[in-house]
C-alpha atoms as a PDB file:
ATOM      1  CA  UNK A   1      14.422  14.950 -13.696  1.00  0.00           C
ATOM      2  CA  UNK A   2      18.163  14.996 -13.048  1.00  0.00           C
ATOM      3  CA  UNK A   3      19.983  14.156  -9.810  1.00  0.00           C
ATOM      4  CA  UNK A   4      20.277  17.758  -8.637  1.00  0.00           C
ATOM      5  CA  UNK A   5      16.515  18.283  -9.026  1.00  0.00           C
ATOM      6  CA  UNK A   6      15.793  15.169  -6.946  1.00  0.00           C
ATOM      7  CA  UNK A   7      18.123  16.398  -4.202  1.00  0.00           C
ATOM      8  CA  UNK A   8      16.506  19.845  -4.142  1.00  0.00           C
ATOM      9  CA  UNK A   9      13.097  18.325  -3.400  1.00  0.00           C
ATOM     10  CA  UNK A  10      14.235  17.063   0.019  1.00  0.00           C
ATOM     11  CA  UNK A  11      15.554  20.406   1.253  1.00  0.00           C
ATOM     12  CA  UNK A  12      18.865  18.782   2.170  1.00  0.00           C
ATOM     13  CA  UNK A  13      22.108  18.977   0.228  1.00  0.00           C
ATOM     14  CA  UNK A  14      23.298  15.377   0.031  1.00  0.00           C
ATOM     15  CA  UNK A  15      26.380  13.460  -1.035  1.00  0.00           C
ATOM     16  CA  UNK A  16      24.190  10.619  -2.318  1.00  0.00           C
ATOM     17  CA  UNK A  17      23.645  10.293  -6.065  1.00  0.00           C
ATOM     18  CA  UNK A  18      20.187   9.058  -7.027  1.00  0.00           C
ATOM     19  CA  UNK A  19      19.730   6.740  -9.996  1.00  0.00           C
ATOM     20  CA  UNK A  20      16.247   5.237  -9.939  1.00  0.00           C
ATOM     21  CA  UNK A  21      14.394   8.297  -8.621  1.00  0.00           C
ATOM     22  CA  UNK A  22      15.582  10.335 -11.606  1.00  0.00           C
ATOM     23  CA  UNK A  23      13.432   8.068 -13.795  1.00  0.00           C
ATOM     24  CA  UNK A  24      10.142   9.053 -12.099  1.00  0.00           C
ATOM     25  CA  UNK A  25       7.871  11.602 -13.731  1.00  0.00           C
ATOM     26  CA  UNK A  26       8.712  15.062 -12.385  1.00  0.00           C
ATOM     27  CA  UNK A  27       5.215  15.772 -11.103  1.00  0.00           C
ATOM     28  CA  UNK A  28       4.945  12.417  -9.300  1.00  0.00           C
ATOM     29  CA  UNK A  29       8.175  12.885  -7.360  1.00  0.00           C
ATOM     30  CA  UNK A  30       7.376  16.524  -6.614  1.00  0.00           C
ATOM     31  CA  UNK A  31       4.022  15.506  -5.132  1.00  0.00           C
ATOM     32  CA  UNK A  32       5.626  12.706  -3.114  1.00  0.00           C
ATOM     33  CA  UNK A  33       8.280  15.078  -1.766  1.00  0.00           C
ATOM     34  CA  UNK A  34       5.708  17.707  -0.814  1.00  0.00           C
ATOM     35  CA  UNK A  35       3.565  15.176   1.059  1.00  0.00           C
ATOM     36  CA  UNK A  36       6.547  13.602   2.817  1.00  0.00           C
ATOM     37  CA  UNK A  37       7.879  16.964   3.994  1.00  0.00           C
ATOM     38  CA  UNK A  38       4.390  17.940   5.137  1.00  0.00           C
ATOM     39  CA  UNK A  39       4.121  14.762   7.236  1.00  0.00           C
ATOM     40  CA  UNK A  40       7.568  15.268   8.742  1.00  0.00           C
ATOM     41  CA  UNK A  41       6.784  18.877   9.725  1.00  0.00           C
ATOM     42  CA  UNK A  42       4.887  18.062  12.960  1.00  0.00           C
ATOM     43  CA  UNK A  43       7.461  15.349  13.804  1.00  0.00           C
ATOM     44  CA  UNK A  44      10.283  17.873  13.571  1.00  0.00           C
ATOM     45  CA  UNK A  45       8.450  20.624  15.471  1.00  0.00           C
ATOM     46  CA  UNK A  46       7.831  18.306  18.440  1.00  0.00           C
ATOM     47  CA  UNK A  47      11.202  16.576  18.233  1.00  0.00           C
ATOM     48  CA  UNK A  48      12.750  15.555  21.554  1.00  0.00           C
ATOM     49  CA  UNK A  49      15.121  12.958  23.008  1.00  0.00           C
ATOM     50  CA  UNK A  50      12.532  10.176  22.780  1.00  0.00           C
ATOM     51  CA  UNK A  51      11.836  10.921  19.118  1.00  0.00           C
ATOM     52  CA  UNK A  52      15.566  10.995  18.524  1.00  0.00           C
ATOM     53  CA  UNK A  53      15.827   7.494  19.999  1.00  0.00           C
ATOM     54  CA  UNK A  54      12.958   6.229  17.861  1.00  0.00           C
ATOM     55  CA  UNK A  55      14.355   7.619  14.624  1.00  0.00           C
ATOM     56  CA  UNK A  56      17.841   6.368  15.429  1.00  0.00           C
ATOM     57  CA  UNK A  57      16.522   2.800  15.583  1.00  0.00           C
ATOM     58  CA  UNK A  58      14.315   3.238  12.536  1.00  0.00           C
ATOM     59  CA  UNK A  59      17.207   4.710  10.540  1.00  0.00           C
ATOM     60  CA  UNK A  60      19.733   2.132  11.712  1.00  0.00           C
ATOM     61  CA  UNK A  61      17.381  -0.717  10.798  1.00  0.00           C
ATOM     62  CA  UNK A  62      16.766   0.828   7.384  1.00  0.00           C
ATOM     63  CA  UNK A  63      20.527   1.104   6.832  1.00  0.00           C
ATOM     64  CA  UNK A  64      21.135  -2.464   7.957  1.00  0.00           C
ATOM     65  CA  UNK A  65      18.521  -3.887   5.621  1.00  0.00           C
ATOM     66  CA  UNK A  66      19.839  -1.865   2.674  1.00  0.00           C
ATOM     67  CA  UNK A  67      23.295  -3.289   3.404  1.00  0.00           C
ATOM     68  CA  UNK A  68      21.797  -6.774   3.728  1.00  0.00           C
ATOM     69  CA  UNK A  69      20.168  -6.341   0.331  1.00  0.00           C
ATOM     70  CA  UNK A  70      23.512  -5.211  -1.054  1.00  0.00           C
ATOM     71  CA  UNK A  71      25.131  -8.465   0.092  1.00  0.00           C
ATOM     72  CA  UNK A  72      22.203 -10.450  -1.317  1.00  0.00           C
ATOM     73  CA  UNK A  73      22.211  -8.535  -4.604  1.00  0.00           C
ATOM     74  CA  UNK A  74      25.945  -8.895  -5.197  1.00  0.00           C
ATOM     75  CA  UNK A  75      25.622 -12.574  -4.253  1.00  0.00           C
ATOM     76  CA  UNK A  76      22.843 -12.937  -6.837  1.00  0.00           C
ATOM     77  CA  UNK A  77      25.029 -11.349  -9.530  1.00  0.00           C
ATOM     78  CA  UNK A  78      27.864 -13.740  -8.658  1.00  0.00           C
ATOM     79  CA  UNK A  79      25.504 -16.740  -8.602  1.00  0.00           C
ATOM     80  CA  UNK A  80      24.059 -15.750 -11.973  1.00  0.00           C
ATOM     81  CA  UNK A  81      27.537 -15.476 -13.504  1.00  0.00           C
ATOM     82  CA  UNK A  82      28.576 -18.838 -12.029  1.00  0.00           C
ATOM     83  CA  UNK A  83      25.347 -20.646 -13.046  1.00  0.00           C
ATOM     84  CA  UNK A  84      24.256 -21.164  -9.430  1.00  0.00           C
ATOM     85  CA  UNK A  85      20.636 -20.866 -10.552  1.00  0.00           C
ATOM     86  CA  UNK A  86      19.212 -22.719  -7.581  1.00  0.00           C
ATOM     87  CA  UNK A  87      20.037 -19.799  -5.274  1.00  0.00           C
ATOM     88  CA  UNK A  88      18.483 -17.038  -7.392  1.00  0.00           C
ATOM     89  CA  UNK A  89      14.818 -17.194  -6.247  1.00  0.00           C
ATOM     90  CA  UNK A  90      15.971 -16.811  -2.633  1.00  0.00           C
ATOM     91  CA  UNK A  91      18.547 -14.096  -3.316  1.00  0.00           C
ATOM     92  CA  UNK A  92      16.312 -12.053  -5.636  1.00  0.00           C
ATOM     93  CA  UNK A  93      13.339 -12.135  -3.272  1.00  0.00           C
ATOM     94  CA  UNK A  94      15.224 -11.070  -0.163  1.00  0.00           C
ATOM     95  CA  UNK A  95      17.186  -8.432  -2.078  1.00  0.00           C
ATOM     96  CA  UNK A  96      13.837  -6.743  -2.777  1.00  0.00           C
ATOM     97  CA  UNK A  97      12.063  -7.548   0.504  1.00  0.00           C
ATOM     98  CA  UNK A  98      14.772  -6.112   2.761  1.00  0.00           C
ATOM     99  CA  UNK A  99      14.668  -2.794   0.916  1.00  0.00           C
ATOM    100  CA  UNK A 100      10.879  -2.770   1.187  1.00  0.00           C
ATOM    101  CA  UNK A 101      11.410  -3.019   4.942  1.00  0.00           C
ATOM    102  CA  UNK A 102      13.920  -0.148   4.830  1.00  0.00           C
ATOM    103  CA  UNK A 103      11.402   1.996   2.953  1.00  0.00           C
ATOM    104  CA  UNK A 104       8.680   1.276   5.536  1.00  0.00           C
ATOM    105  CA  UNK A 105      10.944   2.085   8.501  1.00  0.00           C
ATOM    106  CA  UNK A 106      11.534   5.591   7.112  1.00  0.00           C
ATOM    107  CA  UNK A 107       7.915   6.552   6.445  1.00  0.00           C
ATOM    108  CA  UNK A 108       6.519   9.351   8.651  1.00  0.00           C
ATOM    109  CA  UNK A 109       2.992   7.968   8.247  1.00  0.00           C
ATOM    110  CA  UNK A 110       3.907   4.583   9.784  1.00  0.00           C
ATOM    111  CA  UNK A 111       3.653   4.485  13.570  1.00  0.00           C
ATOM    112  CA  UNK A 112       6.573   2.911  15.410  1.00  0.00           C
ATOM    113  CA  UNK A 113       5.373  -0.092  17.450  1.00  0.00           C
ATOM    114  CA  UNK A 114       8.601  -1.471  18.907  1.00  0.00           C
ATOM    115  CA  UNK A 115       9.078  -5.197  18.203  1.00  0.00           C
ATOM    116  CA  UNK A 116       5.864  -5.352  16.153  1.00  0.00           C
ATOM    117  CA  UNK A 117       7.470  -2.993  13.659  1.00  0.00           C
ATOM    118  CA  UNK A 118      10.585  -5.150  13.490  1.00  0.00           C
ATOM    119  CA  UNK A 119       8.698  -8.445  13.272  1.00  0.00           C
ATOM    120  CA  UNK A 120       6.254  -7.603  10.465  1.00  0.00           C
ATOM    121  CA  UNK A 121       5.223 -10.618   8.381  1.00  0.00           C
ATOM    122  CA  UNK A 122       6.259 -10.828   4.761  1.00  0.00           C
ATOM    123  CA  UNK A 123       2.691 -10.319   3.617  1.00  0.00           C
ATOM    124  CA  UNK A 124       2.322  -7.238   5.787  1.00  0.00           C
ATOM    125  CA  UNK A 125       5.587  -5.819   4.448  1.00  0.00           C
ATOM    126  CA  UNK A 126       4.500  -6.376   0.837  1.00  0.00           C
ATOM    127  CA  UNK A 127       1.007  -4.961   1.375  1.00  0.00           C
ATOM    128  CA  UNK A 128       2.252  -1.915   3.300  1.00  0.00           C
ATOM    129  CA  UNK A 129       4.987  -1.118   0.786  1.00  0.00           C
ATOM    130  CA  UNK A 130       2.549  -1.496  -2.115  1.00  0.00           C
ATOM    131  CA  UNK A 131       0.031   0.787  -0.448  1.00  0.00           C
ATOM    132  CA  UNK A 132       2.515   3.531   0.491  1.00  0.00           C
ATOM    133  CA  UNK A 133       4.191   3.466  -2.922  1.00  0.00           C
ATOM    134  CA  UNK A 134       0.952   4.716  -4.430  1.00  0.00           C
ATOM    135  CA  UNK A 135       1.929   8.160  -3.099  1.00  0.00           C
ATOM    136  CA  UNK A 136       4.799   8.006  -5.570  1.00  0.00           C
ATOM    137  CA  UNK A 137       2.976   6.541  -8.554  1.00  0.00           C
ATOM    138  CA  UNK A 138       0.109   4.078  -8.897  1.00  0.00           C
ATOM    139  CA  UNK A 139       1.734   2.170 -11.748  1.00  0.00           C
ATOM    140  CA  UNK A 140       5.046   1.864  -9.927  1.00  0.00           C
ATOM    141  CA  UNK A 141       3.264   0.693  -6.764  1.00  0.00           C
ATOM    142  CA  UNK A 142       1.390  -2.011  -8.678  1.00  0.00           C
ATOM    143  CA  UNK A 143       4.520  -3.175 -10.498  1.00  0.00           C
ATOM    144  CA  UNK A 144       6.668  -3.414  -7.352  1.00  0.00           C
ATOM    145  CA  UNK A 145       4.002  -5.159  -5.303  1.00  0.00           C
ATOM    146  CA  UNK A 146       3.483  -7.653  -8.131  1.00  0.00           C
ATOM    147  CA  UNK A 147       7.239  -8.236  -8.340  1.00  0.00           C
ATOM    148  CA  UNK A 148       7.477  -8.831  -4.594  1.00  0.00           C
ATOM    149  CA  UNK A 149       4.569 -11.288  -4.693  1.00  0.00           C
ATOM    150  CA  UNK A 150       6.107 -13.106  -7.662  1.00  0.00           C
ATOM    151  CA  UNK A 151       9.435 -13.234  -5.845  1.00  0.00           C
ATOM    152  CA  UNK A 152       7.749 -14.692  -2.786  1.00  0.00           C
ATOM    153  CA  UNK A 153       6.023 -17.399  -4.853  1.00  0.00           C
ATOM    154  CA  UNK A 154       9.228 -18.289  -6.667  1.00  0.00           C
ATOM    155  CA  UNK A 155      11.158 -18.576  -3.407  1.00  0.00           C
ATOM    156  CA  UNK A 156       8.399 -20.675  -1.794  1.00  0.00           C
ATOM    157  CA  UNK A 157       8.104 -23.061  -4.731  1.00  0.00           C
ATOM    158  CA  UNK A 158      11.727 -24.048  -4.247  1.00  0.00           C
ATOM    159  CA  UNK A 159      11.137 -24.386  -0.514  1.00  0.00           C
ATOM    160  CA  UNK A 160       8.059 -26.596  -0.652  1.00  0.00           C
ATOM    161  CA  UNK A 161       7.730 -28.183  -4.122  1.00  0.00           C
ATOM    162  CA  UNK A 162      11.069 -28.382  -5.862  1.00  0.00           C
ATOM    163  CA  UNK A 163      10.373 -27.991  -9.620  1.00  0.00           C
ATOM    164  CA  UNK A 164      11.875 -30.666 -11.856  1.00  0.00           C
ATOM    165  CA  UNK A 165      12.149 -28.194 -14.729  1.00  0.00           C
ATOM    166  CA  UNK A 166      14.350 -25.714 -12.862  1.00  0.00           C
ATOM    167  CA  UNK A 167      13.806 -21.977 -13.299  1.00  0.00           C
ATOM    168  CA  UNK A 168      12.058 -22.519 -16.643  1.00  0.00           C
ATOM    169  CA  UNK A 169       8.928 -23.416 -14.667  1.00  0.00           C
ATOM    170  CA  UNK A 170       8.408 -19.673 -14.111  1.00  0.00           C
ATOM    171  CA  UNK A 171       8.555 -18.844 -17.855  1.00  0.00           C
ATOM    172  CA  UNK A 172       8.118 -15.105 -18.511  1.00  0.00           C
ATOM    173  CA  UNK A 173       7.338 -14.407 -14.830  1.00  0.00           C
ATOM    174  CA  UNK A 174      10.875 -15.266 -13.745  1.00  0.00           C
ATOM    175  CA  UNK A 175      12.446 -12.346 -11.887  1.00  0.00           C
ATOM    176  CA  UNK A 176      15.846 -11.548 -13.310  1.00  0.00           C
ATOM    177  CA  UNK A 177      18.767 -10.462 -11.126  1.00  0.00           C
ATOM    178  CA  UNK A 178      18.990  -6.946 -12.578  1.00  0.00           C
ATOM    179  CA  UNK A 179      15.236  -6.505 -12.171  1.00  0.00           C
ATOM    180  CA  UNK A 180      15.471  -7.427  -8.483  1.00  0.00           C
ATOM    181  CA  UNK A 181      18.437  -5.084  -7.977  1.00  0.00           C
ATOM    182  CA  UNK A 182      16.709  -2.159  -9.702  1.00  0.00           C
ATOM    183  CA  UNK A 183      13.618  -2.699  -7.529  1.00  0.00           C
ATOM    184  CA  UNK A 184      15.739  -2.807  -4.384  1.00  0.00           C
ATOM    185  CA  UNK A 185      17.681   0.287  -5.443  1.00  0.00           C
ATOM    186  CA  UNK A 186      14.451   2.205  -6.034  1.00  0.00           C
ATOM    187  CA  UNK A 187      13.184   1.327  -2.542  1.00  0.00           C
ATOM    188  CA  UNK A 188      16.576   2.073  -0.944  1.00  0.00           C
ATOM    189  CA  UNK A 189      16.694   5.473  -2.631  1.00  0.00           C
ATOM    190  CA  UNK A 190      13.203   6.246  -1.337  1.00  0.00           C
ATOM    191  CA  UNK A 191      14.371   5.387   2.191  1.00  0.00           C
ATOM    192  CA  UNK A 192      17.357   7.713   1.708  1.00  0.00           C
ATOM    193  CA  UNK A 193      15.026  10.385   0.280  1.00  0.00           C
ATOM    194  CA  UNK A 194      12.618  10.102   3.239  1.00  0.00           C
ATOM    195  CA  UNK A 195      15.347  10.486   5.849  1.00  0.00           C
ATOM    196  CA  UNK A 196      16.793  13.448   3.942  1.00  0.00           C
ATOM    197  CA  UNK A 197      13.380  15.100   4.265  1.00  0.00           C
ATOM    198  CA  UNK A 198      13.355  14.369   8.010  1.00  0.00           C
ATOM    199  CA  UNK A 199      16.881  15.706   8.535  1.00  0.00           C
ATOM    200  CA  UNK A 200      16.012  18.873   6.603  1.00  0.00           C
ATOM    201  CA  UNK A 201      12.866  19.382   8.712  1.00  0.00           C
ATOM    202  CA  UNK A 202      14.692  18.886  12.025  1.00  0.00           C
ATOM    203  CA  UNK A 203      17.449  21.256  10.904  1.00  0.00           C
ATOM    204  CA  UNK A 204      14.795  23.848  10.075  1.00  0.00           C
ATOM    205  CA  UNK A 205      12.720  23.624  13.244  1.00  0.00           C
ATOM    206  CA  UNK A 206      15.207  22.791  16.024  1.00  0.00           C
ATOM    207  CA  UNK A 207      18.652  23.673  17.367  1.00  0.00           C
ATOM    208  CA  UNK A 208      19.976  20.151  16.570  1.00  0.00           C
ATOM    209  CA  UNK A 209      20.893  19.253  20.136  1.00  0.00           C
ATOM    210  CA  UNK A 210      19.310  16.001  21.293  1.00  0.00           C
ATOM    211  CA  UNK A 211      20.302  12.921  23.207  1.00  0.00           C
ATOM    212  CA  UNK A 212      19.087   9.374  22.667  1.00  0.00           C
ATOM    213  CA  UNK A 213      17.032   9.065  25.798  1.00  0.00           C
ATOM    214  CA  UNK A 214      13.989   7.827  27.589  1.00  0.00           C
ATOM    215  CA  UNK A 215      13.429   4.563  25.708  1.00  0.00           C
ATOM    216  CA  UNK A 216      16.027   2.045  26.812  1.00  0.00           C
ATOM    217  CA  UNK A 217      14.051  -0.836  25.329  1.00  0.00           C
ATOM    218  CA  UNK A 218      14.547   0.516  21.810  1.00  0.00           C
ATOM    219  CA  UNK A 219      18.149  -0.533  21.397  1.00  0.00           C
ATOM    220  CA  UNK A 220      17.610  -3.661  23.492  1.00  0.00           C
ATOM    221  CA  UNK A 221      15.371  -4.741  20.605  1.00  0.00           C
ATOM    222  CA  UNK A 222      18.514  -4.845  18.484  1.00  0.00           C
ATOM    223  CA  UNK A 223      20.121  -7.468  20.685  1.00  0.00           C
ATOM    224  CA  UNK A 224      17.469  -9.930  21.824  1.00  0.00           C
ATOM    225  CA  UNK A 225      14.687 -12.108  20.507  1.00  0.00           C
ATOM    226  CA  UNK A 226      11.749 -10.341  22.153  1.00  0.00           C
ATOM    227  CA  UNK A 227      10.009 -13.624  22.987  1.00  0.00           C
ATOM    228  CA  UNK A 228      12.906 -15.683  24.357  1.00  0.00           C
ATOM    229  CA  UNK A 229      15.453 -12.957  25.325  1.00  0.00           C
ATOM    230  CA  UNK A 230      18.108 -14.980  23.475  1.00  0.00           C
ATOM    231  CA  UNK A 231      21.074 -13.133  22.013  1.00  0.00           C
ATOM    232  CA  UNK A 232      20.650 -12.412  18.292  1.00  0.00           C
ATOM    233  CA  UNK A 233      23.505 -10.143  17.257  1.00  0.00           C
ATOM    234  CA  UNK A 234      25.881  -8.528  19.716  1.00  0.00           C
ATOM    235  CA  UNK A 235      27.469  -6.449  16.937  1.00  0.00           C
ATOM    236  CA  UNK A 236      24.143  -4.665  16.396  1.00  0.00           C
ATOM    237  CA  UNK A 237      23.983  -3.802  20.065  1.00  0.00           C
ATOM    238  CA  UNK A 238      27.487  -2.315  20.078  1.00  0.00           C
ATOM    239  CA  UNK A 239      26.918  -0.372  16.854  1.00  0.00           C
ATOM    240  CA  UNK A 240      23.733   1.134  18.245  1.00  0.00           C
ATOM    241  CA  UNK A 241      25.630   1.926  21.450  1.00  0.00           C
ATOM    242  CA  UNK A 242      28.104   3.915  19.348  1.00  0.00           C
ATOM    243  CA  UNK A 243      25.286   5.897  17.754  1.00  0.00           C
ATOM    244  CA  UNK A 244      23.671   6.477  21.150  1.00  0.00           C
ATOM    245  CA  UNK A 245      26.844   8.309  22.181  1.00  0.00           C
ATOM    246  CA  UNK A 246      27.236  10.269  18.940  1.00  0.00           C
ATOM    247  CA  UNK A 247      23.729  10.755  17.535  1.00  0.00           C
ATOM    248  CA  UNK A 248      22.369  14.278  18.037  1.00  0.00           C
ATOM    249  CA  UNK A 249      19.693  14.492  15.328  1.00  0.00           C
ATOM    250  CA  UNK A 250      18.369  12.422  12.388  1.00  0.00           C
ATOM    251  CA  UNK A 251      20.717  11.785   9.489  1.00  0.00           C
ATOM    252  CA  UNK A 252      20.303  10.516   5.948  1.00  0.00           C
ATOM    253  CA  UNK A 253      21.285   6.893   5.313  1.00  0.00           C
ATOM    254  CA  UNK A 254      24.513   7.602   3.439  1.00  0.00           C
ATOM    255  CA  UNK A 255      25.795   9.679   6.370  1.00  0.00           C
ATOM    256  CA  UNK A 256      24.977   6.933   8.862  1.00  0.00           C
ATOM    257  CA  UNK A 257      26.851   4.439   6.699  1.00  0.00           C
ATOM    258  CA  UNK A 258      30.350   5.405   7.781  1.00  0.00           C
ATOM    259  CA  UNK A 259      33.353   3.739   6.159  1.00  0.00           C
ATOM    260  CA  UNK A 260      34.113   1.798   9.335  1.00  0.00           C
ATOM    261  CA  UNK A 261      30.575   0.468   9.627  1.00  0.00           C
ATOM    262  CA  UNK A 262      30.515  -0.585   5.972  1.00  0.00           C
ATOM    263  CA  UNK A 263      33.919  -2.223   6.250  1.00  0.00           C
ATOM    264  CA  UNK A 264      32.790  -4.248   9.280  1.00  0.00           C
ATOM    265  CA  UNK A 265      29.440  -5.204   7.751  1.00  0.00           C
ATOM    266  CA  UNK A 266      30.756  -6.423   4.403  1.00  0.00           C
ATOM    267  CA  UNK A 267      33.901  -7.830   5.966  1.00  0.00           C
ATOM    268  CA  UNK A 268      31.766 -10.335   7.862  1.00  0.00           C
ATOM    269  CA  UNK A 269      31.007 -12.008   4.504  1.00  0.00           C
ATOM    270  CA  UNK A 270      34.561 -12.128   3.137  1.00  0.00           C
ATOM    271  CA  UNK A 271      36.025 -15.608   2.641  1.00  0.00           C
ATOM    272  CA  UNK A 272      38.505 -16.727   5.291  1.00  0.00           C
ATOM    273  CA  UNK A 273      40.505 -18.340   2.494  1.00  0.00           C
ATOM    274  CA  UNK A 274      42.720 -15.514   1.222  1.00  0.00           C
ATOM    275  CA  UNK A 275      43.423 -17.430  -1.996  1.00  0.00           C
ATOM    276  CA  UNK A 276      39.718 -17.765  -2.840  1.00  0.00           C
ATOM    277  CA  UNK A 277      38.678 -16.440  -6.256  1.00  0.00           C
ATOM    278  CA  UNK A 278      34.963 -16.716  -5.479  1.00  0.00           C
ATOM    279  CA  UNK A 279      32.415 -14.196  -4.267  1.00  0.00           C
ATOM    280  CA  UNK A 280      33.876 -10.989  -2.812  1.00  0.00           C
ATOM    281  CA  UNK A 281      31.344  -8.790  -0.931  1.00  0.00           C
ATOM    282  CA  UNK A 282      33.818  -5.889  -0.922  1.00  0.00           C
ATOM    283  CA  UNK A 283      33.593  -5.426  -4.697  1.00  0.00           C
ATOM    284  CA  UNK A 284      30.430  -3.306  -4.878  1.00  0.00           C
ATOM    285  CA  UNK A 285      29.380  -1.570  -1.663  1.00  0.00           C
ATOM    286  CA  UNK A 286      27.458   1.008  -3.707  1.00  0.00           C
ATOM    287  CA  UNK A 287      25.208  -1.417  -5.567  1.00  0.00           C
ATOM    288  CA  UNK A 288      22.059   0.128  -4.076  1.00  0.00           C
ATOM    289  CA  UNK A 289      23.116   3.416  -2.464  1.00  0.00           C
ATOM    290  CA  UNK A 290      25.987   5.732  -3.312  1.00  0.00           C
ATOM    291  CA  UNK A 291      27.945   5.732  -0.045  1.00  0.00           C
ATOM    292  CA  UNK A 292      30.919   8.118   0.214  1.00  0.00           C
END
């Protein structure tokens, strides 16, 4: 299946170019698209300001975790090139896990439960992603869940029992950087695909005129630890505030990722030393998704 065929399945003409989804068997992706659009139908038909608020937060979180995985993935590539092997189990695992979270946030069959949705445990994320990926393909679901579990074990071994033999302790089970990136890209593209289906459904069934209303606590979740009310990230709060003013209906991930937002996000990881020849997060913004 080529890129244009993948795009046509969502019902939305997109500027995003898919890479990993073109590798799926035609019938599998067609079935996944049909089921996803079917599940989004009732959501779109009953869409209102509250639903707009919910899907803004879900979409923003998905975007943020895809961008986080992009920073982690490009860091892993740099670490691999510079023989910083000790960092790879951590970077590879979280590159994949964050995109699994993004995928889950965009699923119409997953109920939004406020902070409980944001604070899912790693095991819950892995189990949920593995289960929902079966709608795409059983073999792919098994392979990705296994890779996530292996990544978790490899990260934890370095955390709790530092191996004297280095990465060779993992033998053939060692997750390679490109393998982690391809897994993350597949999950990120599914998140993009899901939100394209939602945007197409809302465009079809509504007049595209909504506010972000009725659920003030939703974007407060972006700013505070829900247990202690301590400040986590003021930038998140202000970014969501921008979308609250501008957001009128659901949008695909690559449309939410404006140039200014991407520049700010990746710029936070740029070295303050202008003469540094080390890691540069600005080099590959499109590692996982093809942003304009």
